[in-house]
Amino acid sequence: MNLAHAIGEDKCTIYSQDISQKSSSLLRLNLILNNLVHSIQNIIQGNTILHPYHKQDSGRLEQFDYIVSNPPFKLDFSDYSTDLDTKPNNERFFAGIPNIPKTKKDSMAIYLLFLQHIMHSLTARGKAAIVVPTGFITAQSGIDKKIRKKMVESKMLAGVVSMPSNIFATTGTNVSILFLDATNTGDVVLIDASNLGTKVKEGKNQKTLLSEIEEQQIIDVFNTKEAKDDFSVVVTYDDIEAKNYSLSAGQYFEVKIEYTDITQEEFATKMKGFESNLASLFQESKILETEINNNLKNLRYEN
């Protein structure tokens, strides 16, 4: 709805599909209150992964100019995972479907399916913002890496913002916001905002709150693609490929070495100190070596 207000309520249409009937009903009410009544018919309650509702006349999934999503990260979808292995879904879930674990089925990474679904549902000029667990941006293998590789090869990655811990009070999982832009053929901006925010108590949970100034800092750096020490970095698609498709800003920060000018006398004093410490350590090492050998000789086998 915020996007719709920015674009103009009379210039856009909202589409939604949510497995929760309560969420869908609340959204319909909000559309009435926000001058978006014409979108009510597009608010569908249902399973987006198993039965995507919004389709074109040809039967192909509908494609959108803007998609925002905060998908569930872990969920047991073993009951219908085999139903997803169909020819139409092979194109939608190009990187694969997570395997069913023998135990802890509720830990199945369903967000990987939502990510692929969103990528498949963007128009040629489409943009998307998706909340993902931060572990996704650095996973070295599996479906996670295949998805990131596709984003790079298709030149549809705009950037990533790694958020502070506990930015959501309902989960302790560290999250990042993934930004896609099907028209972004240029640089990619990676932001490490993990050190921003103020920690507060919300009920029994601890939450991190960003100030308006901090939020604006993230927005400005992202939009201007500005590189700031220990905060943001601007990279090319080739740079990302060279880093095994990692989307963590920290892996691209330059390692800075500070130099201090000292006199020859200061240098000589430091070297003598190092030599003295090293000699002392060597002496201690010899004493320990002797004690260990003596202890080994005193060991006896007893029946």
Foldseek 3Di string as FASTA:
>chain_A
DVVCVVVDLVPDEDAEEEQDPVVLVVVCVVCVVVVNNVRNVRRYHDDCLLDNDAPDPVRHHAADQEEEEADDQFAQPVVCQVVCPDPSNCQLLVQDAFDQDPPDSRRGGCVLSVLSNNVSRHDLFHKYKYKYQLVLQADLDGSSLVSLLCQLVLQFWAAKEFAAAQQDQVDRGGIMITMTGSPRQWKHKYFYHRPAFDWDDDPPTIHGDHDPVSVVVVVVCSVVVDDDAPTMDIGHSVVCVVVSNHRHRVVVHDDDDDDDDDDPVVVVVVVVVVVVVVVVVVVVVVVVVVVVVVVVVPDDDDD
